[in-house]
Amino acid sequence: MPVKSRIAVLLTCLLLSACGKIDPNSPLGQRKAIFKQMLNTSEDLGGMLRGRIPFDGQRFATGAAQLDQLARQPWQHFPQIKDDERSTAKDEVWQRQERFQQLARQLEAATATLVAATTQQPLAPAAVEAPVQKVEDSCEACHQEFRAF
């Protein structure tokens, strides 16, 4: 096969492989990045409570504050109409905006409660178990209604 043909085939393959990627600057890309950060942060917090990671009160408090900040960010990246068919959000996100926003505010309230629970130092795991569960329950409630698994 001539060199020019090989290059053309290679470029075509590269272009086709890039078609499935999500633009990180698109609303979908931005909210996915925030949700991934939220997941990583909450997994660390849950890991400390469940013994997978040694409990460190200061690190837990820092993670709780980070989760609270992150919990306020993804909602701005949900446009008024569905923007990308690759989204794992159900169409109900756009059809039932009032309920979606209500669940978003519940998550924000739960993460704020978690941050408030971390102010008593030294921090004991028992002091944050219920607020962490409330955050996890808030995430789960929204996923059940609005995420297409």
N, C-alpha and C. Protein backbone atom coordinates (compact mmCIF):
# COMPACT_ATOMS: atom_id res chain seq x y z
N MET A 1 0.86 -1.17 0.00
CA MET A 1 0.00 0.00 0.00
C MET A 1 0.90 1.23 0.00
N PRO A 2 0.63 2.19 -0.88
CA PRO A 2 1.45 3.39 -0.94
C PRO A 2 1.35 4.21 0.35
N VAL A 3 2.35 4.99 0.60
CA VAL A 3 2.45 5.79 1.83
C VAL A 3 1.26 6.74 1.95
N LYS A 4 0.86 7.38 0.86
CA LYS A 4 -0.26 8.32 0.92
C LYS A 4 -1.55 7.60 1.31
N SER A 5 -1.75 6.40 0.83
CA SER A 5 -2.95 5.63 1.18
C SER A 5 -2.92 5.25 2.65
N ARG A 6 -1.78 4.87 3.14
CA ARG A 6 -1.64 4.52 4.57
C ARG A 6 -1.96 5.73 5.45
N ILE A 7 -1.43 6.86 5.06
CA ILE A 7 -1.69 8.08 5.84
C ILE A 7 -3.18 8.41 5.81
N ALA A 8 -3.82 8.28 4.67
CA ALA A 8 -5.26 8.57 4.55
C ALA A 8 -6.07 7.63 5.44
N VAL A 9 -5.70 6.34 5.44
CA VAL A 9 -6.39 5.36 6.29
C VAL A 9 -6.18 5.70 7.76
N LEU A 10 -4.97 6.03 8.12
CA LEU A 10 -4.66 6.37 9.50
C LEU A 10 -5.43 7.61 9.96
N LEU A 11 -5.46 8.63 9.14
CA LEU A 11 -6.20 9.84 9.49
C LEU A 11 -7.70 9.57 9.62
N THR A 12 -8.23 8.76 8.72
CA THR A 12 -9.64 8.40 8.80
C THR A 12 -9.94 7.66 10.11
N CYS A 13 -9.08 6.73 10.47
CA CYS A 13 -9.26 5.99 11.73
C CYS A 13 -9.19 6.92 12.92
N LEU A 14 -8.26 7.84 12.92
CA LEU A 14 -8.14 8.80 14.02
C LEU A 14 -9.38 9.68 14.13
N LEU A 15 -9.87 10.15 12.99
CA LEU A 15 -11.07 10.98 13.01
C LEU A 15 -12.28 10.21 13.52
N LEU A 16 -12.44 8.99 13.09
CA LEU A 16 -13.57 8.17 13.53
C LEU A 16 -13.47 7.83 15.01
N SER A 17 -12.27 7.59 15.50
CA SER A 17 -12.13 7.27 16.92
C SER A 17 -12.43 8.48 17.79
N ALA A 18 -12.22 9.68 17.27
CA ALA A 18 -12.50 10.90 18.04
C ALA A 18 -13.98 11.24 18.07
N CYS A 19 -14.77 10.65 17.20
CA CYS A 19 -16.19 10.98 17.11
C CYS A 19 -16.95 10.65 18.39
N GLY A 20 -16.56 9.64 19.12
CA GLY A 20 -17.27 9.23 20.32
C GLY A 20 -16.91 10.00 21.56
N LYS A 21 -15.92 10.85 21.49
CA LYS A 21 -15.48 11.59 22.66
C LYS A 21 -16.41 12.75 22.95
N ILE A 22 -16.53 13.06 24.22
CA ILE A 22 -17.36 14.17 24.65
C ILE A 22 -16.46 15.39 24.80
N ASP A 23 -16.89 16.49 24.23
CA ASP A 23 -16.15 17.74 24.34
C ASP A 23 -16.14 18.17 25.81
N PRO A 24 -14.96 18.28 26.43
CA PRO A 24 -14.91 18.65 27.85
C PRO A 24 -15.44 20.04 28.14
N ASN A 25 -15.56 20.88 27.13
CA ASN A 25 -16.09 22.23 27.32
C ASN A 25 -17.59 22.33 27.07
N SER A 26 -18.20 21.24 26.62
CA SER A 26 -19.65 21.23 26.39
C SER A 26 -20.35 21.13 27.74
N PRO A 27 -21.62 21.48 27.80
CA PRO A 27 -22.36 21.31 29.06
C PRO A 27 -22.30 19.87 29.58
N LEU A 28 -22.44 18.90 28.67
CA LEU A 28 -22.37 17.49 29.07
C LEU A 28 -20.99 17.18 29.65
N GLY A 29 -19.95 17.60 28.97
CA GLY A 29 -18.59 17.34 29.45
C GLY A 29 -18.32 18.00 30.78
N GLN A 30 -18.81 19.21 30.97
CA GLN A 30 -18.57 19.92 32.23
C GLN A 30 -19.31 19.27 33.38
N ARG A 31 -20.58 18.90 33.17
CA ARG A 31 -21.30 18.29 34.29
C ARG A 31 -20.77 16.90 34.59
N LYS A 32 -20.35 16.16 33.56
CA LYS A 32 -19.77 14.84 33.82
C LYS A 32 -18.49 14.96 34.65
N ALA A 33 -17.67 15.95 34.36
CA ALA A 33 -16.43 16.16 35.11
C ALA A 33 -16.73 16.48 36.57
N ILE A 34 -17.73 17.32 36.79
CA ILE A 34 -18.10 17.68 38.17
C ILE A 34 -18.65 16.46 38.90
N PHE A 35 -19.53 15.71 38.25
CA PHE A 35 -20.09 14.52 38.89
C PHE A 35 -19.00 13.50 39.21
N LYS A 36 -18.00 13.39 38.35
CA LYS A 36 -16.89 12.47 38.62
C LYS A 36 -16.10 12.93 39.84
N GLN A 37 -15.87 14.23 39.97
CA GLN A 37 -15.18 14.75 41.15
C GLN A 37 -16.01 14.50 42.41
N MET A 38 -17.32 14.70 42.29
CA MET A 38 -18.21 14.44 43.43
C MET A 38 -18.12 12.98 43.85
N LEU A 39 -18.14 12.08 42.88
CA LEU A 39 -18.07 10.65 43.17
C LEU A 39 -16.76 10.31 43.87
N ASN A 40 -15.65 10.80 43.34
CA ASN A 40 -14.35 10.52 43.95
C ASN A 40 -14.26 11.04 45.37
N THR A 41 -14.76 12.24 45.59
CA THR A 41 -14.73 12.84 46.93
C THR A 41 -15.61 12.07 47.89
N SER A 42 -16.83 11.74 47.46
CA SER A 42 -17.74 11.02 48.35
C SER A 42 -17.25 9.60 48.62
N GLU A 43 -16.58 8.98 47.64
CA GLU A 43 -16.02 7.65 47.88
C GLU A 43 -14.93 7.70 48.95
N ASP A 44 -14.13 8.76 48.95
CA ASP A 44 -13.11 8.91 50.00
C ASP A 44 -13.76 9.08 51.37
N LEU A 45 -14.81 9.89 51.44
CA LEU A 45 -15.50 10.11 52.71
C LEU A 45 -16.13 8.80 53.20
N GLY A 46 -16.83 8.13 52.31
CA GLY A 46 -17.44 6.85 52.67
C GLY A 46 -16.39 5.81 53.02
N GLY A 47 -15.28 5.83 52.32
CA GLY A 47 -14.18 4.90 52.61
C GLY A 47 -13.62 5.09 54.01
N MET A 48 -13.54 6.35 54.45
CA MET A 48 -13.07 6.62 55.82
C MET A 48 -14.06 6.09 56.85
N LEU A 49 -15.35 6.22 56.56
CA LEU A 49 -16.35 5.74 57.52
C LEU A 49 -16.49 4.22 57.53
N ARG A 50 -16.18 3.60 56.41
CA ARG A 50 -16.36 2.15 56.30
C ARG A 50 -15.05 1.37 56.47
N GLY A 51 -13.98 2.07 56.83
CA GLY A 51 -12.73 1.41 57.15
C GLY A 51 -11.84 1.06 55.97
N ARG A 52 -12.20 1.49 54.76
CA ARG A 52 -11.32 1.22 53.61
C ARG A 52 -10.13 2.17 53.59
N ILE A 53 -10.31 3.34 54.19
CA ILE A 53 -9.28 4.36 54.30
C ILE A 53 -9.21 4.75 55.78
N PRO A 54 -8.01 4.93 56.32
CA PRO A 54 -7.94 5.36 57.73
C PRO A 54 -8.67 6.70 57.93
N PHE A 55 -9.43 6.78 59.00
CA PHE A 55 -10.19 8.01 59.27
C PHE A 55 -9.23 9.11 59.71
N ASP A 56 -9.33 10.26 59.05
CA ASP A 56 -8.55 11.45 59.37
C ASP A 56 -9.54 12.60 59.43
N GLY A 57 -9.81 13.12 60.62
CA GLY A 57 -10.83 14.14 60.81
C GLY A 57 -10.62 15.38 59.97
N GLN A 58 -9.39 15.85 59.90
CA GLN A 58 -9.12 17.06 59.11
C GLN A 58 -9.32 16.80 57.62
N ARG A 59 -8.84 15.68 57.17
CA ARG A 59 -9.01 15.33 55.75
C ARG A 59 -10.49 15.12 55.43
N PHE A 60 -11.22 14.54 56.37
CA PHE A 60 -12.65 14.34 56.17
C PHE A 60 -13.35 15.69 56.05
N ALA A 61 -13.03 16.62 56.95
CA ALA A 61 -13.65 17.94 56.93
C ALA A 61 -13.35 18.67 55.62
N THR A 62 -12.11 18.56 55.16
CA THR A 62 -11.73 19.18 53.89
C THR A 62 -12.52 18.56 52.74
N GLY A 63 -12.65 17.24 52.75
CA GLY A 63 -13.42 16.55 51.71
C GLY A 63 -14.89 16.93 51.75
N ALA A 64 -15.44 17.08 52.94
CA ALA A 64 -16.84 17.48 53.06
C ALA A 64 -17.06 18.88 52.49
N ALA A 65 -16.14 19.79 52.77
CA ALA A 65 -16.25 21.15 52.22
C ALA A 65 -16.12 21.13 50.70
N GLN A 66 -15.22 20.30 50.19
CA GLN A 66 -15.05 20.19 48.74
C GLN A 66 -16.33 19.62 48.11
N LEU A 67 -16.91 18.60 48.74
CA LEU A 67 -18.14 18.01 48.21
C LEU A 67 -19.27 19.03 48.21
N ASP A 68 -19.34 19.85 49.25
CA ASP A 68 -20.37 20.88 49.33
C ASP A 68 -20.22 21.88 48.18
N GLN A 69 -19.00 22.28 47.89
CA GLN A 69 -18.77 23.21 46.78
C GLN A 69 -19.14 22.56 45.45
N LEU A 70 -18.73 21.31 45.26
CA LEU A 70 -19.03 20.61 44.01
C LEU A 70 -20.54 20.40 43.82
N ALA A 71 -21.25 20.14 44.92
CA ALA A 71 -22.69 19.86 44.84
C ALA A 71 -23.48 21.05 44.31
N ARG A 72 -22.90 22.23 44.32
CA ARG A 72 -23.58 23.43 43.84
C ARG A 72 -23.28 23.76 42.38
N GLN A 73 -22.42 22.99 41.75
CA GLN A 73 -21.93 23.36 40.42
C GLN A 73 -22.58 22.68 39.21
N PRO A 74 -22.96 21.42 39.25
CA PRO A 74 -23.36 20.77 37.98
C PRO A 74 -24.67 21.29 37.39
N TRP A 75 -25.54 21.84 38.19
CA TRP A 75 -26.89 22.19 37.75
C TRP A 75 -26.88 23.27 36.67
N GLN A 76 -25.89 24.15 36.72
CA GLN A 76 -25.80 25.21 35.71
C GLN A 76 -25.45 24.66 34.33
N HIS A 77 -24.99 23.42 34.28
CA HIS A 77 -24.59 22.80 33.03
C HIS A 77 -25.68 21.89 32.44
N PHE A 78 -26.90 22.05 32.93
CA PHE A 78 -28.06 21.37 32.35
C PHE A 78 -28.86 22.44 31.60
N PRO A 79 -28.69 22.53 30.28
CA PRO A 79 -29.42 23.54 29.53
C PRO A 79 -30.93 23.26 29.54
N GLN A 80 -31.69 24.20 29.05
CA GLN A 80 -33.15 24.09 29.07
C GLN A 80 -33.67 22.93 28.22
N ILE A 81 -32.93 22.55 27.21
CA ILE A 81 -33.32 21.40 26.38
C ILE A 81 -32.16 20.42 26.36
N LYS A 82 -32.47 19.15 26.14
CA LYS A 82 -31.44 18.12 26.12
C LYS A 82 -30.41 18.46 25.05
N ASP A 83 -29.16 18.44 25.44
CA ASP A 83 -28.10 18.92 24.56
C ASP A 83 -27.29 17.82 23.88
N ASP A 84 -27.37 16.59 24.37
CA ASP A 84 -26.50 15.55 23.83
C ASP A 84 -27.15 14.20 24.08
N GLU A 85 -27.29 13.43 23.04
CA GLU A 85 -27.92 12.11 23.14
C GLU A 85 -27.08 11.13 23.96
N ARG A 86 -25.80 11.42 24.16
CA ARG A 86 -24.94 10.53 24.94
C ARG A 86 -25.10 10.73 26.44
N SER A 87 -25.91 11.66 26.83
CA SER A 87 -26.14 11.93 28.25
C SER A 87 -26.79 10.72 28.93
N THR A 88 -26.39 10.46 30.17
CA THR A 88 -27.01 9.39 30.94
C THR A 88 -28.20 9.91 31.75
N ALA A 89 -28.58 11.16 31.49
CA ALA A 89 -29.76 11.72 32.14
C ALA A 89 -31.00 11.33 31.36
N LYS A 90 -32.05 10.97 32.08
CA LYS A 90 -33.32 10.68 31.42
C LYS A 90 -33.92 11.97 30.87
N ASP A 91 -34.80 11.84 29.91
CA ASP A 91 -35.49 13.00 29.35
C ASP A 91 -36.28 13.76 30.41
N GLU A 92 -36.65 13.09 31.50
CA GLU A 92 -37.42 13.71 32.57
C GLU A 92 -36.67 14.89 33.21
N VAL A 93 -35.33 14.91 33.11
CA VAL A 93 -34.58 16.05 33.64
C VAL A 93 -35.11 17.33 33.01
N TRP A 94 -35.38 17.29 31.73
CA TRP A 94 -35.82 18.48 31.01
C TRP A 94 -37.35 18.62 31.05
N GLN A 95 -38.04 17.53 31.24
CA GLN A 95 -39.50 17.57 31.27
C GLN A 95 -40.03 17.93 32.66
N ARG A 96 -39.27 17.60 33.69
CA ARG A 96 -39.70 17.83 35.07
C ARG A 96 -38.66 18.67 35.82
N GLN A 97 -38.38 19.85 35.26
CA GLN A 97 -37.34 20.72 35.81
C GLN A 97 -37.57 21.08 37.27
N GLU A 98 -38.80 21.33 37.66
CA GLU A 98 -39.08 21.74 39.04
C GLU A 98 -38.64 20.64 40.02
N ARG A 99 -38.98 19.41 39.73
CA ARG A 99 -38.60 18.29 40.60
C ARG A 99 -37.09 18.08 40.58
N PHE A 100 -36.48 18.19 39.42
CA PHE A 100 -35.03 18.05 39.31
C PHE A 100 -34.32 19.10 40.17
N GLN A 101 -34.79 20.33 40.07
CA GLN A 101 -34.18 21.40 40.87
C GLN A 101 -34.44 21.19 42.37
N GLN A 102 -35.59 20.64 42.72
CA GLN A 102 -35.89 20.35 44.12
C GLN A 102 -34.88 19.33 44.67
N LEU A 103 -34.61 18.29 43.92
CA LEU A 103 -33.64 17.29 44.36
C LEU A 103 -32.23 17.86 44.40
N ALA A 104 -31.91 18.75 43.50
CA ALA A 104 -30.60 19.42 43.53
C ALA A 104 -30.45 20.23 44.81
N ARG A 105 -31.50 20.96 45.20
CA ARG A 105 -31.45 21.75 46.45
C ARG A 105 -31.36 20.83 47.68
N GLN A 106 -32.00 19.67 47.61
CA GLN A 106 -31.90 18.72 48.73
C GLN A 106 -30.47 18.22 48.89
N LEU A 107 -29.80 17.96 47.78
CA LEU A 107 -28.39 17.54 47.86
C LEU A 107 -27.55 18.66 48.45
N GLU A 108 -27.77 19.88 47.99
CA GLU A 108 -27.01 21.01 48.52
C GLU A 108 -27.24 21.17 50.02
N ALA A 109 -28.47 20.99 50.47
CA ALA A 109 -28.76 21.08 51.91
C ALA A 109 -28.06 19.96 52.67
N ALA A 110 -28.05 18.77 52.09
CA ALA A 110 -27.41 17.62 52.75
C ALA A 110 -25.90 17.83 52.87
N THR A 111 -25.27 18.36 51.82
CA THR A 111 -23.82 18.58 51.91
C THR A 111 -23.51 19.72 52.88
N ALA A 112 -24.37 20.72 52.95
CA ALA A 112 -24.18 21.81 53.93
C ALA A 112 -24.29 21.27 55.35
N THR A 113 -25.23 20.37 55.58
CA THR A 113 -25.38 19.74 56.90
C THR A 113 -24.14 18.92 57.24
N LEU A 114 -23.59 18.25 56.25
CA LEU A 114 -22.37 17.47 56.47
C LEU A 114 -21.22 18.39 56.86
N VAL A 115 -21.07 19.50 56.17
CA VAL A 115 -20.00 20.45 56.52
C VAL A 115 -20.19 20.95 57.94
N ALA A 116 -21.41 21.27 58.32
CA ALA A 116 -21.68 21.75 59.68
C ALA A 116 -21.30 20.70 60.72
N ALA A 117 -21.49 19.44 60.38
CA ALA A 117 -21.17 18.35 61.32
C ALA A 117 -19.67 18.16 61.49
N THR A 118 -18.87 18.72 60.60
CA THR A 118 -17.41 18.55 60.68
C THR A 118 -16.73 19.65 61.48
N THR A 119 -17.49 20.59 62.02
CA THR A 119 -16.87 21.72 62.72
C THR A 119 -16.37 21.36 64.11
N GLN A 120 -16.87 20.30 64.69
CA GLN A 120 -16.44 19.88 66.03
C GLN A 120 -15.18 19.03 65.91
N GLN A 121 -14.04 19.64 66.21
CA GLN A 121 -12.77 18.90 66.16
C GLN A 121 -12.34 18.58 67.59
N PRO A 122 -11.78 17.42 67.87
CA PRO A 122 -11.49 16.37 66.91
C PRO A 122 -12.78 15.70 66.45
N LEU A 123 -12.80 15.39 65.20
CA LEU A 123 -13.97 14.82 64.56
C LEU A 123 -14.03 13.32 64.77
N ALA A 124 -15.17 12.85 65.20
CA ALA A 124 -15.37 11.42 65.40
C ALA A 124 -16.24 10.88 64.26
N PRO A 125 -15.93 9.68 63.78
CA PRO A 125 -16.73 9.10 62.69
C PRO A 125 -18.23 9.05 63.01
N ALA A 126 -18.58 8.78 64.24
CA ALA A 126 -20.00 8.68 64.60
C ALA A 126 -20.73 10.01 64.38
N ALA A 127 -20.01 11.12 64.48
CA ALA A 127 -20.63 12.43 64.32
C ALA A 127 -21.02 12.74 62.87
N VAL A 128 -20.44 12.02 61.93
CA VAL A 128 -20.71 12.32 60.53
C VAL A 128 -21.41 11.19 59.78
N GLU A 129 -21.66 10.08 60.45
CA GLU A 129 -22.30 8.95 59.77
C GLU A 129 -23.69 9.31 59.23
N ALA A 130 -24.53 9.92 60.05
CA ALA A 130 -25.89 10.27 59.61
C ALA A 130 -25.87 11.33 58.50
N PRO A 131 -25.06 12.40 58.63
CA PRO A 131 -25.02 13.37 57.52
C PRO A 131 -24.49 12.77 56.21
N VAL A 132 -23.52 11.87 56.28
CA VAL A 132 -23.03 11.22 55.06
C VAL A 132 -24.14 10.37 54.45
N GLN A 133 -24.88 9.67 55.28
CA GLN A 133 -25.99 8.85 54.77
C GLN A 133 -27.03 9.73 54.08
N LYS A 134 -27.27 10.91 54.64
CA LYS A 134 -28.24 11.83 54.04
C LYS A 134 -27.76 12.29 52.65
N VAL A 135 -26.45 12.56 52.52
CA VAL A 135 -25.89 12.93 51.22
C VAL A 135 -26.06 11.77 50.24
N GLU A 136 -25.70 10.57 50.68
CA GLU A 136 -25.81 9.40 49.81
C GLU A 136 -27.26 9.16 49.39
N ASP A 137 -28.18 9.33 50.33
CA ASP A 137 -29.61 9.16 50.01
C ASP A 137 -30.08 10.21 49.01
N SER A 138 -29.58 11.44 49.12
CA SER A 138 -29.95 12.50 48.18
C SER A 138 -29.45 12.17 46.78
N CYS A 139 -28.24 11.68 46.69
CA CYS A 139 -27.69 11.28 45.38
C CYS A 139 -28.54 10.16 44.78
N GLU A 140 -28.82 9.17 45.60
CA GLU A 140 -29.58 8.01 45.13
C GLU A 140 -30.98 8.40 44.67
N ALA A 141 -31.64 9.30 45.40
CA ALA A 141 -32.99 9.73 45.02
C ALA A 141 -33.01 10.37 43.64
N CYS A 142 -32.04 11.21 43.38
CA CYS A 142 -31.98 11.88 42.08
C CYS A 142 -31.64 10.87 40.98
N HIS A 143 -30.71 9.97 41.25
CA HIS A 143 -30.35 8.95 40.26
C HIS A 143 -31.55 8.08 39.92
N GLN A 144 -32.33 7.71 40.92
CA GLN A 144 -33.47 6.85 40.67
C GLN A 144 -34.49 7.53 39.75
N GLU A 145 -34.69 8.81 39.93
CA GLU A 145 -35.69 9.51 39.12
C GLU A 145 -35.17 9.99 37.77
N PHE A 146 -33.88 10.36 37.72
CA PHE A 146 -33.42 11.10 36.56
C PHE A 146 -32.21 10.53 35.82
N ARG A 147 -31.61 9.46 36.28
CA ARG A 147 -30.46 8.94 35.58
C ARG A 147 -30.82 7.64 34.87
N ALA A 148 -30.47 7.57 33.61
CA ALA A 148 -30.69 6.35 32.82
C ALA A 148 -29.44 5.48 32.96
N PHE A 149 -29.58 4.41 33.68
CA PHE A 149 -28.42 3.56 33.95
C PHE A 149 -28.08 2.66 32.80
